[in-house]
Amino acid sequence: MIGASEATRTIIEDADCAARSDAKVLITGESGVGKEVVARLVHQRSARSSSPLVTINCAGVPDSLLESELFGHVKGSFTDAYRDKRGWLESANGGTVFMDEVGEMTMRMQAMLLRFLETGEIQRVGSDRRLPPVDVRVITATNRRLYDAIADKTFREDLYYRLNVVHIEIPPLRERCDDILPLMRHFLQRFSQAHRRPMPEVAADAWDALLEYRWPGNVRELKNVAERLVLKARDGSIGLEALPSEILRDRREVPVAMMPTPATSPIHEELFARLTSGSESFWSVVYEPFIARDLTRRTLREIVSLGLWQTRGNYRMLVTLFNMPERDYKRFLHFLRKHQCHVPFQEFRMMRTGVDREPQDARRSA
């Protein structure tokens, strides 16, 4: 687990806390943020580290096979079942099972997993008897909002509360920019050794572009970019021209966040004024029309941008500015991320700092 941000330190602390017990762990975050890395960290620092860690991708196995893979089967239970086979849960006895993308399981498989979590017993496919309980620590992960899945009746609420004993949330890479530099250096060194090439030097303007990029694919995308840069490096250096086109294109585009006063439809200014001049809440003024599709994502981003401009990029202050209780902070951020309307805060802090310095500089020159 590599990183210099406060978020990464918090994740490591949460993993250490989880490792001290056998409690079930639910890891959430966008695709590519490193959920499996955190699961392995919990296992390696636990008392079960000398026992196996079995990883299961619930989205990558068809439902018709997932039951057999999890619980095993007996000879003759279905076509091609030529012998008895132990399942993953039985194979992990004494160790840990990591179930990735648990939110993609069907309702039937969710019911079977819930039964196992309650009893620890395994019944192989095609067998009429249950095996003795197994001792397995269960860690799950998902990139879905399970609360929304529960509301949509696609995920069992009782299973959610079984899994969510220790919750570790991993923020996307764009929200922990301090991790970009150490991660990139780590992967550059790793792939330089793997491909037997010298460790490349990254030019200052290339570093700036890498730090400004939003990394929609998170750490997985950064890892791929690092390998590509090692292979493309000429004379042991990486300049701006060597960066992938999507990074350069993203840098050329002027994001909404860079506009101190967004200038499109006045609807965002009207709604912002209602939020800041009265007691109306974000949930009634903005959230409800957005869910009803009366507001666009662009309008929502512009409202958030106006708020961040006023709070100097502070999302916690933005919650208060938009007349929401402090306990709604995480709910507010989850809503913005889910609908891809989360606006990076760094630009506003830099912009406001620059604005605040101008009068002081002017007074000094006077």
Protein backbone atom coordinates (compact mmCIF):
# COMPACT_ATOMS: atom_id res chain seq x y z
CA MET A 1 0.00 0.00 0.00
CA ILE A 2 1.84 3.05 -1.32
CA GLY A 3 0.88 6.67 -0.82
CA ALA A 4 1.57 9.89 1.06
CA SER A 5 -1.98 11.21 1.48
CA GLU A 6 -3.99 11.39 4.66
CA ALA A 7 -6.56 9.11 3.02
CA THR A 8 -3.96 6.37 2.49
CA ARG A 9 -2.78 6.64 6.10
CA THR A 10 -6.39 6.27 7.24
CA ILE A 11 -6.86 3.19 5.02
CA ILE A 12 -3.74 1.56 6.48
CA GLU A 13 -4.91 2.31 10.01
CA ASP A 14 -8.34 0.82 9.24
CA ALA A 15 -6.67 -2.27 7.74
CA ASP A 16 -4.52 -2.70 10.85
CA CYS A 17 -7.61 -2.41 13.02
CA ALA A 18 -9.44 -5.03 10.93
CA ALA A 19 -6.42 -7.35 11.00
CA ARG A 20 -6.56 -7.59 14.79
CA SER A 21 -9.84 -9.52 14.64
CA ASP A 22 -11.72 -12.00 12.47
CA ALA A 23 -14.56 -9.55 11.81
CA LYS A 24 -15.98 -9.41 8.30
CA VAL A 25 -14.69 -6.51 6.19
CA LEU A 26 -16.48 -4.64 3.41
CA ILE A 27 -14.19 -2.64 1.10
CA THR A 28 -15.83 -0.08 -1.20
CA GLY A 29 -14.51 2.23 -3.89
CA GLU A 30 -14.43 2.85 -7.61
CA SER A 31 -13.00 0.28 -9.97
CA GLY A 32 -9.21 0.32 -9.99
CA VAL A 33 -8.61 2.02 -6.62
CA GLY A 34 -6.88 -1.03 -5.10
CA LYS A 35 -9.54 -2.91 -3.14
CA GLU A 36 -7.72 -6.24 -3.54
CA VAL A 37 -4.49 -4.64 -2.31
CA VAL A 38 -6.27 -3.59 0.90
CA ALA A 39 -7.79 -7.07 1.29
CA ARG A 40 -4.33 -8.64 1.00
CA LEU A 41 -2.98 -6.12 3.51
CA VAL A 42 -5.64 -7.12 6.04
CA HIS A 43 -4.88 -10.82 5.51
CA GLN A 44 -1.09 -10.42 5.67
CA ARG A 45 -1.25 -8.49 8.95
CA SER A 46 -3.74 -10.87 10.57
CA ALA A 47 -3.18 -14.05 12.58
CA ARG A 48 -4.26 -15.98 9.46
CA SER A 49 -1.35 -14.76 7.33
CA SER A 50 0.24 -18.22 7.17
CA SER A 51 -3.02 -19.73 5.86
CA PRO A 52 -4.35 -19.34 2.30
CA LEU A 53 -6.01 -16.25 0.87
CA VAL A 54 -8.53 -17.34 -1.77
CA THR A 55 -9.69 -14.61 -4.18
CA ILE A 56 -13.04 -14.91 -5.92
CA ASN A 57 -14.31 -12.57 -8.65
CA CYS A 58 -18.08 -12.84 -8.26
CA ALA A 59 -18.66 -10.91 -11.49
CA GLY A 60 -16.33 -13.11 -13.54
CA VAL A 61 -17.97 -16.47 -12.82
CA PRO A 62 -21.42 -17.35 -14.27
CA ASP A 63 -24.09 -17.98 -11.69
CA SER A 64 -24.41 -21.57 -12.89
CA LEU A 65 -20.77 -22.21 -11.92
CA LEU A 66 -20.38 -19.90 -8.93
CA GLU A 67 -22.26 -22.21 -6.57
CA SER A 68 -20.05 -25.16 -7.53
CA GLU A 69 -16.88 -23.09 -7.27
CA LEU A 70 -17.83 -21.71 -3.84
CA PHE A 71 -19.23 -24.83 -2.20
CA GLY A 72 -17.79 -27.66 -4.33
CA HIS A 73 -19.68 -30.57 -5.89
CA VAL A 74 -19.92 -34.34 -5.77
CA LYS A 75 -19.29 -36.78 -8.59
CA GLY A 76 -22.21 -37.07 -11.00
CA SER A 77 -24.00 -33.93 -9.76
CA PHE A 78 -23.96 -32.45 -13.27
CA THR A 79 -22.40 -33.01 -16.68
CA ASP A 80 -18.59 -33.20 -16.52
CA ALA A 81 -18.64 -33.73 -12.73
CA TYR A 82 -16.37 -36.78 -12.94
CA ARG A 83 -15.10 -36.56 -9.36
CA ASP A 84 -15.76 -34.88 -6.04
CA LYS A 85 -14.36 -31.37 -5.87
CA ARG A 86 -13.72 -29.08 -2.92
CA GLY A 87 -15.02 -25.52 -3.21
CA TRP A 88 -13.13 -22.30 -2.58
CA LEU A 89 -14.65 -21.86 0.87
CA GLU A 90 -13.53 -25.33 1.95
CA SER A 91 -10.06 -24.78 0.46
CA ALA A 92 -9.66 -21.58 2.49
CA ASN A 93 -10.36 -23.30 5.83
CA GLY A 94 -8.27 -21.54 8.46
CA GLY A 95 -7.55 -18.64 6.10
CA THR A 96 -9.35 -15.82 4.33
CA VAL A 97 -11.75 -15.60 1.41
CA PHE A 98 -11.80 -12.35 -0.57
CA MET A 99 -14.99 -11.98 -2.62
CA ASP A 100 -14.56 -9.16 -5.13
CA GLU A 101 -17.57 -7.50 -6.82
CA VAL A 102 -19.96 -9.08 -4.32
CA GLY A 103 -22.62 -6.61 -5.47
CA GLU A 104 -22.89 -8.50 -8.77
CA MET A 105 -24.15 -11.73 -7.17
CA THR A 106 -27.67 -12.84 -8.00
CA MET A 107 -30.33 -12.91 -5.28
CA ARG A 108 -30.14 -16.71 -5.18
CA MET A 109 -26.40 -16.72 -4.57
CA GLN A 110 -26.79 -13.96 -1.99
CA ALA A 111 -29.20 -16.20 -0.06
CA MET A 112 -26.71 -19.08 -0.16
CA LEU A 113 -23.85 -16.85 0.99
CA LEU A 114 -26.01 -15.52 3.83
CA ARG A 115 -26.74 -19.07 4.98
CA PHE A 116 -23.01 -19.87 4.99
CA LEU A 117 -22.20 -16.71 6.98
CA GLU A 118 -24.78 -17.66 9.59
CA THR A 119 -23.77 -21.30 10.05
CA GLY A 120 -20.33 -21.78 8.51
CA GLU A 121 -21.65 -25.03 7.03
CA ILE A 122 -21.03 -26.13 3.43
CA GLN A 123 -23.22 -28.38 1.33
CA ARG A 124 -21.64 -29.43 -1.93
CA VAL A 125 -23.72 -29.32 -5.11
CA GLY A 126 -25.44 -32.68 -5.57
CA SER A 127 -24.86 -33.80 -1.98
CA ASP A 128 -27.61 -34.52 0.57
CA ARG A 129 -25.48 -33.85 3.64
CA ARG A 130 -23.71 -30.87 5.10
CA LEU A 131 -20.01 -30.82 5.89
CA PRO A 132 -18.72 -29.68 9.30
CA PRO A 133 -18.42 -25.87 9.67
CA VAL A 134 -15.28 -24.31 8.23
CA ASP A 135 -13.23 -21.53 9.82
CA VAL A 136 -13.01 -18.84 7.15
CA ARG A 137 -12.62 -15.08 7.46
CA VAL A 138 -14.69 -13.29 4.79
CA ILE A 139 -13.62 -10.02 3.14
CA THR A 140 -15.83 -8.56 0.41
CA ALA A 141 -15.50 -5.66 -1.98
CA THR A 142 -17.69 -3.80 -4.44
CA ASN A 143 -17.66 -0.70 -6.61
CA ARG A 144 -21.43 -0.42 -6.36
CA ARG A 145 -23.46 1.64 -3.91
CA LEU A 146 -25.09 -1.19 -1.99
CA TYR A 147 -27.60 1.18 -0.39
CA ASP A 148 -28.93 1.93 -3.87
CA ALA A 149 -28.97 -1.78 -4.72
CA ILE A 150 -30.96 -2.47 -1.55
CA ALA A 151 -33.45 0.22 -2.53
CA ASP A 152 -33.69 -1.33 -6.01
CA LYS A 153 -34.30 -4.78 -4.45
CA THR A 154 -31.21 -6.21 -6.16
CA PHE A 155 -29.20 -6.73 -2.96
CA ARG A 156 -30.36 -8.26 0.32
CA GLU A 157 -30.39 -5.87 3.24
CA ASP A 158 -29.73 -8.64 5.77
CA LEU A 159 -26.66 -9.75 3.79
CA TYR A 160 -25.39 -6.16 3.69
CA TYR A 161 -25.42 -5.91 7.47
CA ARG A 162 -23.73 -9.30 7.74
CA LEU A 163 -20.88 -8.16 5.51
CA ASN A 164 -20.55 -4.57 6.72
CA VAL A 165 -18.92 -5.10 10.12
CA VAL A 166 -15.69 -3.24 9.35
CA HIS A 167 -16.11 -0.83 6.44
CA ILE A 168 -13.03 0.47 4.59
CA GLU A 169 -13.78 3.06 1.92
CA ILE A 170 -11.05 3.85 -0.63
CA PRO A 171 -11.36 7.29 -2.25
CA PRO A 172 -10.63 7.62 -5.98
CA LEU A 173 -7.11 8.66 -6.96
CA ARG A 174 -8.27 12.14 -8.04
CA GLU A 175 -9.17 12.85 -4.40
CA ARG A 176 -5.77 11.80 -3.04
CA CYS A 177 -3.41 13.60 -5.37
CA ASP A 178 -0.53 13.25 -2.91
CA ASP A 179 -0.43 9.55 -3.83
CA ILE A 180 0.16 10.09 -7.55
CA LEU A 181 3.87 10.92 -7.27
CA PRO A 182 4.95 7.98 -5.04
CA LEU A 183 2.76 5.54 -6.97
CA MET A 184 4.15 6.63 -10.33
CA ARG A 185 7.73 6.38 -9.08
CA HIS A 186 7.06 2.92 -7.65
CA PHE A 187 5.58 1.59 -10.90
CA LEU A 188 8.28 3.21 -13.05
CA GLN A 189 10.94 1.46 -10.99
CA ARG A 190 9.04 -1.82 -11.01
CA PHE A 191 8.55 -1.89 -14.78
CA SER A 192 12.08 -0.67 -15.45
CA GLN A 193 13.35 -3.75 -13.63
CA ALA A 194 10.80 -6.04 -15.30
CA HIS A 195 11.72 -4.83 -18.82
CA ARG A 196 15.43 -4.41 -18.01
CA ARG A 197 15.49 -0.75 -18.86
CA PRO A 198 17.05 2.18 -16.98
CA MET A 199 14.79 4.06 -14.60
CA PRO A 200 13.57 7.06 -16.67
CA GLU A 201 13.72 10.66 -15.51
CA VAL A 202 10.40 12.52 -15.76
CA ALA A 203 10.53 16.15 -16.89
CA ALA A 204 8.90 18.83 -14.74
CA ASP A 205 6.15 19.65 -17.26
CA ALA A 206 5.32 15.94 -17.59
CA TRP A 207 5.00 15.65 -13.81
CA ASP A 208 2.65 18.65 -13.83
CA ALA A 209 0.44 16.99 -16.45
CA LEU A 210 0.39 13.69 -14.52
CA LEU A 211 -0.59 15.48 -11.30
CA GLU A 212 -3.33 17.50 -13.03
CA TYR A 213 -4.90 14.49 -14.77
CA ARG A 214 -8.13 13.16 -13.19
CA TRP A 215 -7.23 9.44 -13.52
CA PRO A 216 -10.73 8.04 -14.19
CA GLY A 217 -9.24 4.52 -14.15
CA ASN A 218 -7.58 5.21 -10.79
CA VAL A 219 -4.44 3.27 -9.74
CA ARG A 220 -4.99 0.59 -12.39
CA GLU A 221 -4.81 3.26 -15.12
CA LEU A 222 -1.74 4.86 -13.52
CA LYS A 223 -0.01 1.48 -13.45
CA ASN A 224 -0.67 0.94 -17.16
CA VAL A 225 0.54 4.45 -18.02
CA ALA A 226 3.76 3.85 -16.05
CA GLU A 227 4.54 0.69 -18.01
CA ARG A 228 3.82 2.47 -21.28
CA LEU A 229 6.15 5.33 -20.33
CA VAL A 230 8.98 2.93 -19.47
CA LEU A 231 8.66 1.30 -22.89
CA LYS A 232 8.46 4.66 -24.71
CA ALA A 233 11.22 6.45 -22.81
CA ARG A 234 14.02 7.70 -25.06
CA ASP A 235 17.47 8.52 -23.78
CA GLY A 236 16.27 7.67 -20.28
CA SER A 237 13.86 10.59 -20.05
CA ILE A 238 10.11 11.21 -20.30
CA GLY A 239 8.94 14.54 -21.68
CA LEU A 240 5.49 15.98 -22.11
CA GLU A 241 5.25 14.61 -25.65
CA ALA A 242 5.67 11.03 -24.38
CA LEU A 243 2.50 11.15 -22.28
CA PRO A 244 -0.65 9.37 -23.53
CA SER A 245 -3.01 11.44 -25.65
CA GLU A 246 -5.84 11.28 -23.08
CA ILE A 247 -3.67 12.99 -20.47
CA LEU A 248 -2.62 15.75 -22.86
CA ARG A 249 -6.18 16.18 -24.11
CA ASP A 250 -7.50 16.43 -20.56
CA ARG A 251 -4.91 19.09 -19.81
CA ARG A 252 -5.89 21.20 -22.84
CA GLU A 253 -9.55 21.19 -21.91
CA VAL A 254 -10.62 23.91 -19.49
CA PRO A 255 -12.61 22.22 -16.73
CA VAL A 256 -15.66 23.81 -15.18
CA ALA A 257 -13.77 23.96 -11.90
CA MET A 258 -11.36 26.53 -13.37
CA MET A 259 -14.17 29.00 -13.99
CA PRO A 260 -14.70 31.24 -10.97
CA THR A 261 -18.09 32.33 -12.31
CA PRO A 262 -19.49 29.74 -14.74
CA ALA A 263 -21.18 31.47 -17.62
CA THR A 264 -23.86 29.35 -19.21
CA SER A 265 -27.53 29.04 -18.31
CA PRO A 266 -28.45 31.32 -15.34
CA ILE A 267 -30.36 28.46 -13.70
CA HIS A 268 -27.30 27.44 -11.66
CA GLU A 269 -26.89 31.00 -10.35
CA GLU A 270 -30.55 31.15 -9.40
CA LEU A 271 -30.38 27.84 -7.52
CA PHE A 272 -27.10 28.81 -5.87
CA ALA A 273 -28.69 32.06 -4.65
CA ARG A 274 -31.61 30.10 -3.18
CA LEU A 275 -29.19 27.87 -1.29
CA THR A 276 -26.97 30.64 0.08
CA SER A 277 -29.50 33.38 0.78
CA GLY A 278 -32.16 31.32 2.53
CA SER A 279 -32.67 28.15 4.53
CA GLU A 280 -33.53 25.81 1.64
CA SER A 281 -31.49 22.62 1.56
CA PHE A 282 -29.45 21.17 -1.30
CA TRP A 283 -31.56 18.03 -1.11
CA SER A 284 -34.76 19.88 -1.99
CA VAL A 285 -33.41 22.62 -4.28
CA VAL A 286 -30.93 20.58 -6.34
CA TYR A 287 -31.07 16.87 -5.53
CA GLU A 288 -34.77 16.31 -6.17
CA PRO A 289 -34.88 18.14 -9.56
CA PHE A 290 -31.68 16.35 -10.61
CA ILE A 291 -33.09 12.92 -9.78
CA ALA A 292 -36.25 13.89 -11.67
CA ARG A 293 -33.98 14.78 -14.64
CA ASP A 294 -35.01 18.43 -14.58
CA LEU A 295 -31.37 19.47 -14.05
CA THR A 296 -28.34 18.38 -16.07
CA ARG A 297 -24.99 17.18 -14.76
CA ARG A 298 -23.39 20.35 -16.07
CA THR A 299 -25.76 22.50 -14.02
CA LEU A 300 -25.03 20.42 -10.92
CA ARG A 301 -21.27 20.75 -11.45
CA GLU A 302 -21.59 24.52 -11.87
CA ILE A 303 -23.55 24.85 -8.63
CA VAL A 304 -20.86 22.84 -6.83
CA SER A 305 -18.15 24.95 -8.50
CA LEU A 306 -19.75 28.19 -7.30
CA GLY A 307 -19.88 26.76 -3.79
CA LEU A 308 -16.26 25.59 -3.84
CA TRP A 309 -15.20 29.01 -5.08
CA GLN A 310 -16.83 30.53 -2.00
CA THR A 311 -15.49 27.93 0.47
CA ARG A 312 -11.96 27.91 -0.99
CA GLY A 313 -12.35 24.31 -2.12
CA ASN A 314 -13.57 22.99 1.25
CA TYR A 315 -16.27 20.35 0.78
CA ARG A 316 -17.12 20.21 4.49
CA MET A 317 -17.86 23.92 4.53
CA LEU A 318 -19.83 23.42 1.33
CA VAL A 319 -22.19 21.07 3.17
CA THR A 320 -22.95 23.85 5.67
CA LEU A 321 -23.21 26.47 2.92
CA PHE A 322 -25.85 24.35 1.16
CA ASN A 323 -27.88 24.04 4.39
CA MET A 324 -27.22 20.36 5.00
CA PRO A 325 -26.45 18.82 8.40
CA GLU A 326 -22.81 17.81 8.94
CA ARG A 327 -23.78 14.12 9.05
CA ASP A 328 -24.74 14.39 5.33
CA TYR A 329 -21.11 15.00 4.30
CA LYS A 330 -20.43 11.44 3.11
CA ARG A 331 -23.88 11.11 1.58
CA PHE A 332 -23.28 14.33 -0.39
CA LEU A 333 -19.88 13.15 -1.70
CA HIS A 334 -21.26 9.72 -2.63
CA PHE A 335 -24.06 11.38 -4.58
CA LEU A 336 -21.62 13.55 -6.56
CA ARG A 337 -19.27 10.64 -7.31
CA LYS A 338 -22.06 8.32 -8.35
CA HIS A 339 -23.30 10.79 -10.95
CA GLN A 340 -19.77 11.89 -12.01
CA CYS A 341 -20.35 15.43 -10.75
CA HIS A 342 -17.55 15.58 -8.18
CA VAL A 343 -15.45 18.68 -8.89
CA PRO A 344 -11.74 18.66 -7.87
CA PHE A 345 -11.12 21.13 -5.06
CA GLN A 346 -7.41 21.84 -5.65
CA GLU A 347 -7.94 24.46 -8.36
CA PHE A 348 -10.12 26.59 -6.11
CA ARG A 349 -7.59 26.64 -3.32
CA MET A 350 -4.85 27.72 -5.71
CA MET A 351 -7.08 30.27 -7.43
CA ARG A 352 -8.32 31.85 -4.21
CA THR A 353 -4.79 31.98 -2.84
CA GLY A 354 -3.71 33.85 -5.94
CA VAL A 355 -6.67 36.23 -5.67
CA ASP A 356 -5.99 36.91 -1.99
CA ARG A 357 -2.34 37.77 -2.69
CA GLU A 358 -3.06 40.38 -5.34
CA PRO A 359 -4.24 43.16 -2.98
CA GLN A 360 -1.25 42.55 -0.68
CA ASP A 361 1.18 42.73 -3.59
CA ALA A 362 -0.51 45.89 -4.81
CA ARG A 363 -0.19 47.49 -1.36
CA ARG A 364 3.49 46.57 -1.15
CA SER A 365 4.18 48.13 -4.56
CA ALA A 366 2.26 51.23 -3.54
